PDB file of all heavy atoms in Angstrom:
ATOM      1  N   ASP A   1      77.540 186.914 134.124  1.00  0.00           N
ATOM      2  CA  ASP A   1      76.689 185.986 133.438  1.00  0.00           C
ATOM      3  C   ASP A   1      77.268 185.629 132.021  1.00  0.00           C
ATOM      4  O   ASP A   1      78.304 186.220 131.588  1.00  0.00           O
ATOM      5  CB  ASP A   1      75.267 186.475 133.434  1.00  0.00           C
ATOM      6  CG  ASP A   1      74.336 185.205 133.329  1.00  0.00           C
ATOM      7  OD1 ASP A   1      74.765 184.055 133.235  1.00  0.00           O
ATOM      8  OD2 ASP A   1      73.003 185.471 133.407  1.00  0.00           O
ATOM      9  N   GLY A   2      76.537 184.761 131.332  1.00  0.00           N
ATOM     10  CA  GLY A   2      76.897 184.499 129.939  1.00  0.00           C
ATOM     11  C   GLY A   2      76.441 185.364 128.968  1.00  0.00           C
ATOM     12  O   GLY A   2      75.785 186.403 129.250  1.00  0.00           O
ATOM     13  N   ASP A   3      76.785 185.065 127.679  1.00  0.00           N
ATOM     14  CA  ASP A   3      76.320 185.895 126.586  1.00  0.00           C
ATOM     15  C   ASP A   3      74.890 185.904 126.388  1.00  0.00           C
ATOM     16  O   ASP A   3      74.235 184.761 126.396  1.00  0.00           O
ATOM     17  CB  ASP A   3      77.072 185.369 125.279  1.00  0.00           C
ATOM     18  CG  ASP A   3      76.901 186.301 124.092  1.00  0.00           C
ATOM     19  OD1 ASP A   3      76.254 187.286 124.286  1.00  0.00           O
ATOM     20  OD2 ASP A   3      77.451 185.958 123.066  1.00  0.00           O
ATOM     21  N   VAL A   4      74.272 187.040 126.168  1.00  0.00           N
ATOM     22  CA  VAL A   4      72.765 187.110 126.085  1.00  0.00           C
ATOM     23  C   VAL A   4      72.289 186.231 124.930  1.00  0.00           C
ATOM     24  O   VAL A   4      71.223 185.652 124.985  1.00  0.00           O
ATOM     25  CB  VAL A   4      72.395 188.563 126.004  1.00  0.00           C
ATOM     26  CG1 VAL A   4      70.886 188.648 125.705  1.00  0.00           C
ATOM     27  CG2 VAL A   4      72.797 189.302 127.127  1.00  0.00           C
ATOM     28  N   CYS A   5      73.026 186.297 123.800  1.00  0.00           N
ATOM     29  CA  CYS A   5      72.731 185.538 122.549  1.00  0.00           C
ATOM     30  C   CYS A   5      72.528 184.084 122.770  1.00  0.00           C
ATOM     31  O   CYS A   5      71.606 183.477 122.413  1.00  0.00           O
ATOM     32  CB  CYS A   5      73.661 185.847 121.454  1.00  0.00           C
ATOM     33  SG  CYS A   5      73.665 187.532 120.825  1.00  0.00           S
ATOM     34  N   HIS A   6      73.470 183.564 123.647  1.00  0.00           N
ATOM     35  CA  HIS A   6      73.439 182.110 123.904  1.00  0.00           C
ATOM     36  C   HIS A   6      72.275 181.817 124.857  1.00  0.00           C
ATOM     37  O   HIS A   6      71.644 180.702 124.787  1.00  0.00           O
ATOM     38  CB  HIS A   6      74.835 181.637 124.637  1.00  0.00           C
ATOM     39  CG  HIS A   6      75.924 181.655 123.612  1.00  0.00           C
ATOM     40  ND1 HIS A   6      76.621 182.668 123.253  1.00  0.00           N
ATOM     41  CD2 HIS A   6      76.412 180.630 122.847  1.00  0.00           C
ATOM     42  CE1 HIS A   6      77.576 182.303 122.383  1.00  0.00           C
ATOM     43  NE2 HIS A   6      77.513 181.083 122.125  1.00  0.00           N
ATOM     44  N   HIS A   7      71.924 182.752 125.797  1.00  0.00           N
ATOM     45  CA  HIS A   7      70.879 182.482 126.666  1.00  0.00           C
ATOM     46  C   HIS A   7      69.525 182.378 125.834  1.00  0.00           C
ATOM     47  O   HIS A   7      68.675 181.571 125.969  1.00  0.00           O
ATOM     48  CB  HIS A   7      70.713 183.632 127.614  1.00  0.00           C
ATOM     49  CG  HIS A   7      71.660 183.483 128.826  1.00  0.00           C
ATOM     50  ND1 HIS A   7      71.720 182.361 129.588  1.00  0.00           N
ATOM     51  CD2 HIS A   7      72.505 184.379 129.325  1.00  0.00           C
ATOM     52  CE1 HIS A   7      72.619 182.476 130.474  1.00  0.00           C
ATOM     53  NE2 HIS A   7      73.142 183.716 130.431  1.00  0.00           N
ATOM     54  N   VAL A   8      69.403 183.320 124.867  1.00  0.00           N
ATOM     55  CA  VAL A   8      68.247 183.425 123.953  1.00  0.00           C
ATOM     56  C   VAL A   8      68.157 182.098 123.083  1.00  0.00           C
ATOM     57  O   VAL A   8      67.113 181.407 122.860  1.00  0.00           O
ATOM     58  CB  VAL A   8      68.164 184.564 123.097  1.00  0.00           C
ATOM     59  CG1 VAL A   8      66.991 184.612 122.209  1.00  0.00           C
ATOM     60  CG2 VAL A   8      68.161 185.866 123.940  1.00  0.00           C
ATOM     61  N   HIS A   9      69.285 181.721 122.667  1.00  0.00           N
ATOM     62  CA  HIS A   9      69.375 180.510 121.816  1.00  0.00           C
ATOM     63  C   HIS A   9      68.956 179.149 122.624  1.00  0.00           C
ATOM     64  O   HIS A   9      68.078 178.381 122.152  1.00  0.00           O
ATOM     65  CB  HIS A   9      70.797 180.282 121.309  1.00  0.00           C
ATOM     66  CG  HIS A   9      71.046 179.004 120.665  1.00  0.00           C
ATOM     67  ND1 HIS A   9      70.484 178.721 119.361  1.00  0.00           N
ATOM     68  CD2 HIS A   9      71.798 177.888 120.846  1.00  0.00           C
ATOM     69  CE1 HIS A   9      70.817 177.510 118.904  1.00  0.00           C
ATOM     70  NE2 HIS A   9      71.624 176.944 119.878  1.00  0.00           N
ATOM     71  N   ASN A  10      69.443 179.129 123.882  1.00  0.00           N
ATOM     72  CA  ASN A  10      69.148 177.894 124.745  1.00  0.00           C
ATOM     73  C   ASN A  10      67.649 178.014 125.177  1.00  0.00           C
ATOM     74  O   ASN A  10      66.945 177.027 125.122  1.00  0.00           O
ATOM     75  CB  ASN A  10      69.969 178.097 126.023  1.00  0.00           C
ATOM     76  CG  ASN A  10      71.463 177.745 125.741  1.00  0.00           C
ATOM     77  OD1 ASN A  10      71.847 177.026 124.742  1.00  0.00           O
ATOM     78  ND2 ASN A  10      72.315 178.248 126.656  1.00  0.00           N
ATOM     79  N   ALA A  11      67.126 179.247 125.262  1.00  0.00           N
ATOM     80  CA  ALA A  11      65.620 179.374 125.541  1.00  0.00           C
ATOM     81  C   ALA A  11      64.819 178.931 124.446  1.00  0.00           C
ATOM     82  O   ALA A  11      63.806 178.216 124.560  1.00  0.00           O
ATOM     83  CB  ALA A  11      65.356 180.848 126.093  1.00  0.00           C
ATOM     84  N   ALA A  12      65.288 179.333 123.212  1.00  0.00           N
ATOM     85  CA  ALA A  12      64.496 178.951 122.067  1.00  0.00           C
ATOM     86  C   ALA A  12      64.501 177.442 121.897  1.00  0.00           C
ATOM     87  O   ALA A  12      63.469 176.849 121.449  1.00  0.00           O
ATOM     88  CB  ALA A  12      65.107 179.766 120.793  1.00  0.00           C
ATOM     89  N   LYS A  13      65.691 176.808 122.045  1.00  0.00           N
ATOM     90  CA  LYS A  13      65.790 175.374 121.942  1.00  0.00           C
ATOM     91  C   LYS A  13      64.851 174.645 122.850  1.00  0.00           C
ATOM     92  O   LYS A  13      64.169 173.697 122.574  1.00  0.00           O
ATOM     93  CB  LYS A  13      67.244 174.907 122.096  1.00  0.00           C
ATOM     94  CG  LYS A  13      68.165 175.202 120.875  1.00  0.00           C
ATOM     95  CD  LYS A  13      69.617 174.871 121.190  1.00  0.00           C
ATOM     96  CE  LYS A  13      69.637 173.347 121.511  1.00  0.00           C
ATOM     97  NZ  LYS A  13      71.090 172.966 121.583  1.00  0.00           N
ATOM     98  N   ALA A  14      64.771 175.150 124.206  1.00  0.00           N
ATOM     99  CA  ALA A  14      63.954 174.508 125.142  1.00  0.00           C
ATOM    100  C   ALA A  14      62.514 174.620 124.828  1.00  0.00           C
ATOM    101  O   ALA A  14      61.666 173.735 125.005  1.00  0.00           O
ATOM    102  CB  ALA A  14      64.284 175.042 126.554  1.00  0.00           C
ATOM    103  N   PHE A  15      62.201 175.931 124.329  1.00  0.00           N
ATOM    104  CA  PHE A  15      60.796 176.090 123.938  1.00  0.00           C
ATOM    105  C   PHE A  15      60.270 175.262 122.793  1.00  0.00           C
ATOM    106  O   PHE A  15      59.200 174.727 122.712  1.00  0.00           O
ATOM    107  CB  PHE A  15      60.549 177.604 123.547  1.00  0.00           C
ATOM    108  CG  PHE A  15      59.155 177.883 123.088  1.00  0.00           C
ATOM    109  CD1 PHE A  15      58.180 178.085 124.004  1.00  0.00           C
ATOM    110  CD2 PHE A  15      58.947 178.121 121.713  1.00  0.00           C
ATOM    111  CE1 PHE A  15      56.875 178.388 123.568  1.00  0.00           C
ATOM    112  CE2 PHE A  15      57.733 178.384 121.290  1.00  0.00           C
ATOM    113  CZ  PHE A  15      56.686 178.519 122.225  1.00  0.00           C
ATOM    114  N   CYS A  16      61.253 174.967 121.859  1.00  0.00           N
ATOM    115  CA  CYS A  16      60.781 174.291 120.574  1.00  0.00           C
ATOM    116  C   CYS A  16      61.059 172.792 120.669  1.00  0.00           C
ATOM    117  O   CYS A  16      60.638 172.109 119.761  1.00  0.00           O
ATOM    118  CB  CYS A  16      61.810 174.819 119.415  1.00  0.00           C
ATOM    119  SG  CYS A  16      61.342 176.542 118.962  1.00  0.00           S
ATOM    120  N   LYS A  17      61.674 172.299 121.829  1.00  0.00           N
ATOM    121  CA  LYS A  17      61.818 170.875 121.917  1.00  0.00           C
ATOM    122  C   LYS A  17      60.656 170.014 121.797  1.00  0.00           C
ATOM    123  O   LYS A  17      60.671 168.977 121.114  1.00  0.00           O
ATOM    124  CB  LYS A  17      62.504 170.668 123.253  1.00  0.00           C
ATOM    125  CG  LYS A  17      63.101 169.174 123.379  1.00  0.00           C
ATOM    126  CD  LYS A  17      63.807 169.069 124.720  1.00  0.00           C
ATOM    127  CE  LYS A  17      64.303 167.708 124.911  1.00  0.00           C
ATOM    128  NZ  LYS A  17      65.094 167.470 126.225  1.00  0.00           N
ATOM    129  N   PRO A  18      59.518 170.409 122.341  1.00  0.00           N
ATOM    130  CA  PRO A  18      58.307 169.513 122.127  1.00  0.00           C
ATOM    131  C   PRO A  18      57.780 169.414 120.673  1.00  0.00           C
ATOM    132  O   PRO A  18      56.984 168.359 120.369  1.00  0.00           O
ATOM    133  CB  PRO A  18      57.228 170.179 122.961  1.00  0.00           C
ATOM    134  CG  PRO A  18      57.970 171.061 123.973  1.00  0.00           C
ATOM    135  CD  PRO A  18      59.164 171.434 123.276  1.00  0.00           C
ATOM    136  N   PHE A  19      58.280 170.275 119.881  1.00  0.00           N
ATOM    137  CA  PHE A  19      57.779 170.150 118.441  1.00  0.00           C
ATOM    138  C   PHE A  19      58.721 169.312 117.629  1.00  0.00           C
ATOM    139  O   PHE A  19      58.448 169.059 116.416  1.00  0.00           O
ATOM    140  CB  PHE A  19      57.845 171.500 117.780  1.00  0.00           C
ATOM    141  CG  PHE A  19      56.993 172.594 118.524  1.00  0.00           C
ATOM    142  CD1 PHE A  19      57.461 173.480 119.333  1.00  0.00           C
ATOM    143  CD2 PHE A  19      55.615 172.556 118.288  1.00  0.00           C
ATOM    144  CE1 PHE A  19      56.587 174.384 120.062  1.00  0.00           C
ATOM    145  CE2 PHE A  19      54.776 173.493 118.868  1.00  0.00           C
ATOM    146  CZ  PHE A  19      55.327 174.337 119.729  1.00  0.00           C
ATOM    147  N   LYS A  20      59.744 168.709 118.213  1.00  0.00           N
ATOM    148  CA  LYS A  20      60.616 167.629 117.621  1.00  0.00           C
ATOM    149  C   LYS A  20      61.211 168.124 116.359  1.00  0.00           C
ATOM    150  O   LYS A  20      61.234 167.257 115.314  1.00  0.00           O
ATOM    151  CB  LYS A  20      59.849 166.367 117.472  1.00  0.00           C
ATOM    152  CG  LYS A  20      59.336 165.796 118.756  1.00  0.00           C
ATOM    153  CD  LYS A  20      58.582 164.483 118.569  1.00  0.00           C
ATOM    154  CE  LYS A  20      58.112 163.893 119.931  1.00  0.00           C
ATOM    155  NZ  LYS A  20      57.375 162.600 119.749  1.00  0.00           N
ATOM    156  N   SER A  21      61.617 169.434 116.238  1.00  0.00           N
ATOM    157  CA  SER A  21      62.376 169.887 115.024  1.00  0.00           C
ATOM    158  C   SER A  21      61.532 169.675 113.717  1.00  0.00           C
ATOM    159  O   SER A  21      62.083 169.518 112.628  1.00  0.00           O
ATOM    160  CB  SER A  21      63.761 169.232 114.828  1.00  0.00           C
ATOM    161  OG  SER A  21      64.425 169.399 116.029  1.00  0.00           O
ATOM    162  N   PHE A  22      60.230 169.922 113.849  1.00  0.00           N
ATOM    163  CA  PHE A  22      59.454 169.674 112.670  1.00  0.00           C
ATOM    164  C   PHE A  22      59.671 170.781 111.563  1.00  0.00           C
ATOM    165  O   PHE A  22      59.890 170.414 110.376  1.00  0.00           O
ATOM    166  CB  PHE A  22      57.932 169.835 112.963  1.00  0.00           C
ATOM    167  CG  PHE A  22      56.989 169.699 111.901  1.00  0.00           C
ATOM    168  CD1 PHE A  22      56.622 168.437 111.317  1.00  0.00           C
ATOM    169  CD2 PHE A  22      56.525 170.807 111.225  1.00  0.00           C
ATOM    170  CE1 PHE A  22      55.762 168.356 110.227  1.00  0.00           C
ATOM    171  CE2 PHE A  22      55.662 170.783 110.176  1.00  0.00           C
ATOM    172  CZ  PHE A  22      55.305 169.456 109.655  1.00  0.00           C
ATOM    173  N   ILE A  23      59.791 172.010 112.069  1.00  0.00           N
ATOM    174  CA  ILE A  23      60.102 173.060 111.062  1.00  0.00           C
ATOM    175  C   ILE A  23      61.500 173.035 110.487  1.00  0.00           C
ATOM    176  O   ILE A  23      61.707 173.128 109.304  1.00  0.00           O
ATOM    177  CB  ILE A  23      59.853 174.473 111.743  1.00  0.00           C
ATOM    178  CG1 ILE A  23      58.465 174.649 112.199  1.00  0.00           C
ATOM    179  CG2 ILE A  23      60.187 175.607 110.862  1.00  0.00           C
ATOM    180  CD1 ILE A  23      57.432 174.648 111.074  1.00  0.00           C
ATOM    181  N   GLU A  24      62.366 172.720 111.399  1.00  0.00           N
ATOM    182  CA  GLU A  24      63.833 172.554 110.916  1.00  0.00           C
ATOM    183  C   GLU A  24      64.011 171.392 109.823  1.00  0.00           C
ATOM    184  O   GLU A  24      64.713 171.631 108.851  1.00  0.00           O
ATOM    185  CB  GLU A  24      64.836 172.289 112.070  1.00  0.00           C
ATOM    186  CG  GLU A  24      64.862 173.452 113.056  1.00  0.00           C
ATOM    187  CD  GLU A  24      63.760 173.473 114.172  1.00  0.00           C
ATOM    188  OE1 GLU A  24      62.830 172.847 113.924  1.00  0.00           O
ATOM    189  OE2 GLU A  24      63.964 174.164 115.158  1.00  0.00           O
ATOM    190  N   LEU A  25      63.363 170.291 110.132  1.00  0.00           N
ATOM    191  CA  LEU A  25      63.487 169.260 109.110  1.00  0.00           C
ATOM    192  C   LEU A  25      62.825 169.588 107.871  1.00  0.00           C
ATOM    193  O   LEU A  25      63.211 169.104 106.773  1.00  0.00           O
ATOM    194  CB  LEU A  25      62.760 167.929 109.752  1.00  0.00           C
ATOM    195  CG  LEU A  25      63.659 167.340 111.033  1.00  0.00           C
ATOM    196  CD1 LEU A  25      62.745 166.207 111.610  1.00  0.00           C
ATOM    197  CD2 LEU A  25      64.900 166.950 110.626  1.00  0.00           C
ATOM    198  N   LEU A  26      61.796 170.301 107.874  1.00  0.00           N
ATOM    199  CA  LEU A  26      61.049 170.774 106.662  1.00  0.00           C
ATOM    200  C   LEU A  26      61.993 171.583 105.869  1.00  0.00           C
ATOM    201  O   LEU A  26      62.181 171.482 104.491  1.00  0.00           O
ATOM    202  CB  LEU A  26      59.759 171.526 107.035  1.00  0.00           C
ATOM    203  CG  LEU A  26      59.100 172.244 105.811  1.00  0.00           C
ATOM    204  CD1 LEU A  26      58.649 171.187 104.837  1.00  0.00           C
ATOM    205  CD2 LEU A  26      57.993 173.190 106.353  1.00  0.00           C
ATOM    206  N   TYR A  27      62.746 172.549 106.535  1.00  0.00           N
ATOM    207  CA  TYR A  27      63.641 173.474 105.691  1.00  0.00           C
ATOM    208  C   TYR A  27      64.787 172.598 105.204  1.00  0.00           C
ATOM    209  O   TYR A  27      65.272 172.891 104.128  1.00  0.00           O
ATOM    210  CB  TYR A  27      64.154 174.519 106.685  1.00  0.00           C
ATOM    211  CG  TYR A  27      63.033 175.511 107.172  1.00  0.00           C
ATOM    212  CD1 TYR A  27      63.151 176.220 108.375  1.00  0.00           C
ATOM    213  CD2 TYR A  27      61.917 175.630 106.326  1.00  0.00           C
ATOM    214  CE1 TYR A  27      62.225 177.077 108.733  1.00  0.00           C
ATOM    215  CE2 TYR A  27      60.911 176.512 106.773  1.00  0.00           C
ATOM    216  CZ  TYR A  27      61.015 177.201 107.958  1.00  0.00           C
ATOM    217  OH  TYR A  27      60.078 178.024 108.284  1.00  0.00           O
ATOM    218  N   TYR A  28      65.308 171.677 105.958  1.00  0.00           N
ATOM    219  CA  TYR A  28      66.391 170.712 105.404  1.00  0.00           C
ATOM    220  C   TYR A  28      65.875 169.967 104.172  1.00  0.00           C
ATOM    221  O   TYR A  28      66.519 169.939 103.077  1.00  0.00           O
ATOM    222  CB  TYR A  28      66.670 169.690 106.424  1.00  0.00           C
ATOM    223  CG  TYR A  28      67.650 170.106 107.544  1.00  0.00           C
ATOM    224  CD1 TYR A  28      67.482 169.965 108.795  1.00  0.00           C
ATOM    225  CD2 TYR A  28      68.861 170.587 107.068  1.00  0.00           C
ATOM    226  CE1 TYR A  28      68.317 170.355 109.717  1.00  0.00           C
ATOM    227  CE2 TYR A  28      69.867 171.026 107.963  1.00  0.00           C
ATOM    228  CZ  TYR A  28      69.616 170.883 109.333  1.00  0.00           C
ATOM    229  OH  TYR A  28      70.558 171.220 110.185  1.00  0.00           O
ATOM    230  N   ASP A  29      64.517 169.566 104.133  1.00  0.00           N
ATOM    231  CA  ASP A  29      64.016 168.789 102.912  1.00  0.00           C
ATOM    232  C   ASP A  29      63.906 169.800 101.688  1.00  0.00           C
ATOM    233  O   ASP A  29      64.220 169.362 100.618  1.00  0.00           O
ATOM    234  CB  ASP A  29      62.708 168.163 103.242  1.00  0.00           C
ATOM    235  CG  ASP A  29      62.869 167.049 104.323  1.00  0.00           C
ATOM    236  OD1 ASP A  29      63.962 166.534 104.473  1.00  0.00           O
ATOM    237  OD2 ASP A  29      61.844 166.658 105.021  1.00  0.00           O
ATOM    238  N   LEU A  30      63.378 170.876 101.896  1.00  0.00           N
ATOM    239  CA  LEU A  30      63.195 171.880 100.811  1.00  0.00           C
ATOM    240  C   LEU A  30      64.533 172.300 100.228  1.00  0.00           C
ATOM    241  O   LEU A  30      64.681 172.284  99.063  1.00  0.00           O
ATOM    242  CB  LEU A  30      62.400 173.083 101.387  1.00  0.00           C
ATOM    243  CG  LEU A  30      61.057 173.007 101.771  1.00  0.00           C
ATOM    244  CD1 LEU A  30      60.614 174.311 102.361  1.00  0.00           C
ATOM    245  CD2 LEU A  30      60.181 172.554 100.649  1.00  0.00           C
ATOM    246  N   PHE A  31      65.455 172.522 101.118  1.00  0.00           N
ATOM    247  CA  PHE A  31      66.816 172.850 100.523  1.00  0.00           C
ATOM    248  C   PHE A  31      67.414 171.647  99.826  1.00  0.00           C
ATOM    249  O   PHE A  31      67.957 171.954  98.716  1.00  0.00           O
ATOM    250  CB  PHE A  31      67.749 173.309 101.730  1.00  0.00           C
ATOM    251  CG  PHE A  31      69.220 173.583 101.284  1.00  0.00           C
ATOM    252  CD1 PHE A  31      69.507 174.735 100.604  1.00  0.00           C
ATOM    253  CD2 PHE A  31      70.171 172.605 101.425  1.00  0.00           C
ATOM    254  CE1 PHE A  31      70.731 175.060 100.231  1.00  0.00           C
ATOM    255  CE2 PHE A  31      71.414 172.927 101.139  1.00  0.00           C
ATOM    256  CZ  PHE A  31      71.719 174.096 100.490  1.00  0.00           C
ATOM    257  N   SER A  32      67.314 170.473 100.251  1.00  0.00           N
ATOM    258  CA  SER A  32      67.901 169.349  99.574  1.00  0.00           C
ATOM    259  C   SER A  32      67.297 168.981  98.335  1.00  0.00           C
ATOM    260  O   SER A  32      67.877 168.684  97.296  1.00  0.00           O
ATOM    261  CB  SER A  32      67.879 168.131 100.457  1.00  0.00           C
ATOM    262  OG  SER A  32      68.528 168.288 101.848  1.00  0.00           O
ATOM    263  N   ASP A  33      65.921 169.174  98.178  1.00  0.00           N
ATOM    264  CA  ASP A  33      65.126 168.944  96.993  1.00  0.00           C
ATOM    265  C   ASP A  33      65.714 169.731  95.904  1.00  0.00           C
ATOM    266  O   ASP A  33      65.945 169.199  94.702  1.00  0.00           O
ATOM    267  CB  ASP A  33      63.652 169.184  97.169  1.00  0.00           C
ATOM    268  CG  ASP A  33      63.007 167.990  97.915  1.00  0.00           C
ATOM    269  OD1 ASP A  33      63.549 167.024  98.140  1.00  0.00           O
ATOM    270  OD2 ASP A  33      61.786 168.259  98.225  1.00  0.00           O
ATOM    271  N   PHE A  34      65.948 170.955  96.141  1.00  0.00           N
ATOM    272  CA  PHE A  34      66.293 171.881  95.026  1.00  0.00           C
ATOM    273  C   PHE A  34      67.846 171.953  94.761  1.00  0.00           C
ATOM    274  O   PHE A  34      68.318 172.356  93.689  1.00  0.00           O
ATOM    275  CB  PHE A  34      65.790 173.259  95.178  1.00  0.00           C
ATOM    276  CG  PHE A  34      64.275 173.478  95.117  1.00  0.00           C
ATOM    277  CD1 PHE A  34      63.456 173.429  96.322  1.00  0.00           C
ATOM    278  CD2 PHE A  34      63.633 173.434  93.954  1.00  0.00           C
ATOM    279  CE1 PHE A  34      62.121 173.330  96.181  1.00  0.00           C
ATOM    280  CE2 PHE A  34      62.245 173.424  93.888  1.00  0.00           C
ATOM    281  CZ  PHE A  34      61.415 173.383  94.991  1.00  0.00           C
ATOM    282  N   LYS A  35      68.560 171.689  95.850  1.00  0.00           N
ATOM    283  CA  LYS A  35      70.068 171.699  95.644  1.00  0.00           C
ATOM    284  C   LYS A  35      70.573 170.671  94.755  1.00  0.00           C
ATOM    285  O   LYS A  35      71.385 170.972  93.877  1.00  0.00           O
ATOM    286  CB  LYS A  35      70.700 171.497  97.041  1.00  0.00           C
ATOM    287  CG  LYS A  35      72.160 171.469  97.008  1.00  0.00           C
ATOM    288  CD  LYS A  35      72.784 171.229  98.375  1.00  0.00           C
ATOM    289  CE  LYS A  35      74.354 171.152  98.292  1.00  0.00           C
ATOM    290  NZ  LYS A  35      74.949 170.900  99.516  1.00  0.00           N
ATOM    291  N   TRP A  36      70.030 169.396  94.663  1.00  0.00           N
ATOM    292  CA  TRP A  36      70.577 168.379  93.913  1.00  0.00           C
ATOM    293  C   TRP A  36      69.758 168.145  92.669  1.00  0.00           C
ATOM    294  O   TRP A  36      70.019 167.129  91.898  1.00  0.00           O
ATOM    295  CB  TRP A  36      70.525 167.010  94.822  1.00  0.00           C
ATOM    296  CG  TRP A  36      71.237 167.183  96.077  1.00  0.00           C
ATOM    297  CD1 TRP A  36      70.765 167.199  97.275  1.00  0.00           C
ATOM    298  CD2 TRP A  36      72.673 167.343  96.251  1.00  0.00           C
ATOM    299  NE1 TRP A  36      71.683 167.378  98.270  1.00  0.00           N
ATOM    300  CE2 TRP A  36      72.918 167.540  97.631  1.00  0.00           C
ATOM    301  CE3 TRP A  36      73.740 167.520  95.344  1.00  0.00           C
ATOM    302  CZ2 TRP A  36      74.120 167.664  98.183  1.00  0.00           C
ATOM    303  CZ3 TRP A  36      75.090 167.588  95.881  1.00  0.00           C
ATOM    304  CH2 TRP A  36      75.118 167.770  97.276  1.00  0.00           C
ATOM    305  N   SER A  37      68.854 168.925  92.282  1.00  0.00           N
ATOM    306  CA  SER A  37      68.083 168.721  91.079  1.00  0.00           C
ATOM    307  C   SER A  37      67.834 169.920  90.282  1.00  0.00           C
ATOM    308  O   SER A  37      67.087 170.912  90.591  1.00  0.00           O
ATOM    309  CB  SER A  37      66.710 168.105  91.383  1.00  0.00           C
ATOM    310  OG  SER A  37      65.929 167.991  90.245  1.00  0.00           O
ATOM    311  N   PRO A  38      68.722 170.189  89.224  1.00  0.00           N
ATOM    312  CA  PRO A  38      68.498 171.482  88.401  1.00  0.00           C
ATOM    313  C   PRO A  38      67.099 171.461  87.678  1.00  0.00           C
ATOM    314  O   PRO A  38      66.609 172.548  87.469  1.00  0.00           O
ATOM    315  CB  PRO A  38      69.604 171.268  87.310  1.00  0.00           C
ATOM    316  CG  PRO A  38      70.751 170.331  87.912  1.00  0.00           C
ATOM    317  CD  PRO A  38      69.820 169.316  88.824  1.00  0.00           C
ATOM    318  N   ASP A  39      66.578 170.264  87.405  1.00  0.00           N
ATOM    319  CA  ASP A  39      65.292 170.320  86.716  1.00  0.00           C
ATOM    320  C   ASP A  39      64.171 170.728  87.611  1.00  0.00           C
ATOM    321  O   ASP A  39      63.307 171.611  87.169  1.00  0.00           O
ATOM    322  CB  ASP A  39      64.959 168.757  86.361  1.00  0.00           C
ATOM    323  CG  ASP A  39      65.823 168.295  85.238  1.00  0.00           C
ATOM    324  OD1 ASP A  39      66.339 169.108  84.433  1.00  0.00           O
ATOM    325  OD2 ASP A  39      66.028 167.054  85.130  1.00  0.00           O
ATOM    326  N   LEU A  40      64.239 170.409  88.805  1.00  0.00           N
ATOM    327  CA  LEU A  40      63.221 170.869  89.837  1.00  0.00           C
ATOM    328  C   LEU A  40      63.360 172.436  89.955  1.00  0.00           C
ATOM    329  O   LEU A  40      62.391 173.059  90.162  1.00  0.00           O
ATOM    330  CB  LEU A  40      63.334 170.177  91.166  1.00  0.00           C
ATOM    331  CG  LEU A  40      62.941 168.705  91.252  1.00  0.00           C
ATOM    332  CD1 LEU A  40      63.084 168.155  92.575  1.00  0.00           C
ATOM    333  CD2 LEU A  40      61.594 168.521  90.631  1.00  0.00           C
ATOM    334  N   ARG A  41      64.641 172.891  90.141  1.00  0.00           N
ATOM    335  CA  ARG A  41      64.941 174.311  90.179  1.00  0.00           C
ATOM    336  C   ARG A  41      64.370 175.112  89.018  1.00  0.00           C
ATOM    337  O   ARG A  41      63.716 176.119  89.153  1.00  0.00           O
ATOM    338  CB  ARG A  41      66.370 174.564  90.425  1.00  0.00           C
ATOM    339  CG  ARG A  41      66.812 174.213  91.746  1.00  0.00           C
ATOM    340  CD  ARG A  41      68.173 174.834  92.066  1.00  0.00           C
ATOM    341  NE  ARG A  41      69.236 174.739  90.983  1.00  0.00           N
ATOM    342  CZ  ARG A  41      70.135 173.678  90.997  1.00  0.00           C
ATOM    343  NH1 ARG A  41      70.095 172.957  92.040  1.00  0.00           N
ATOM    344  NH2 ARG A  41      71.085 173.577  90.089  1.00  0.00           N
ATOM    345  N   GLU A  42      64.516 174.483  87.869  1.00  0.00           N
ATOM    346  CA  GLU A  42      64.003 175.135  86.685  1.00  0.00           C
ATOM    347  C   GLU A  42      62.459 175.239  86.620  1.00  0.00           C
ATOM    348  O   GLU A  42      61.867 176.277  86.249  1.00  0.00           O
ATOM    349  CB  GLU A  42      64.529 174.466  85.402  1.00  0.00           C
ATOM    350  CG  GLU A  42      64.135 175.133  84.138  1.00  0.00           C
ATOM    351  CD  GLU A  42      64.628 174.547  82.839  1.00  0.00           C
ATOM    352  OE1 GLU A  42      65.371 173.438  83.094  1.00  0.00           O
ATOM    353  OE2 GLU A  42      64.315 174.821  81.805  1.00  0.00           O
TER     354      GLU A  42
END
């Protein structure tokens, strides 16, 4: 069979598909806000 880690990854992607990457997009936004603004980081 295949690598167990990839099986878990595929299962997690299938489970989270109905949520339309809501959490992932939130983390992208948080990271981008503070990466490009030293004032916001301070």
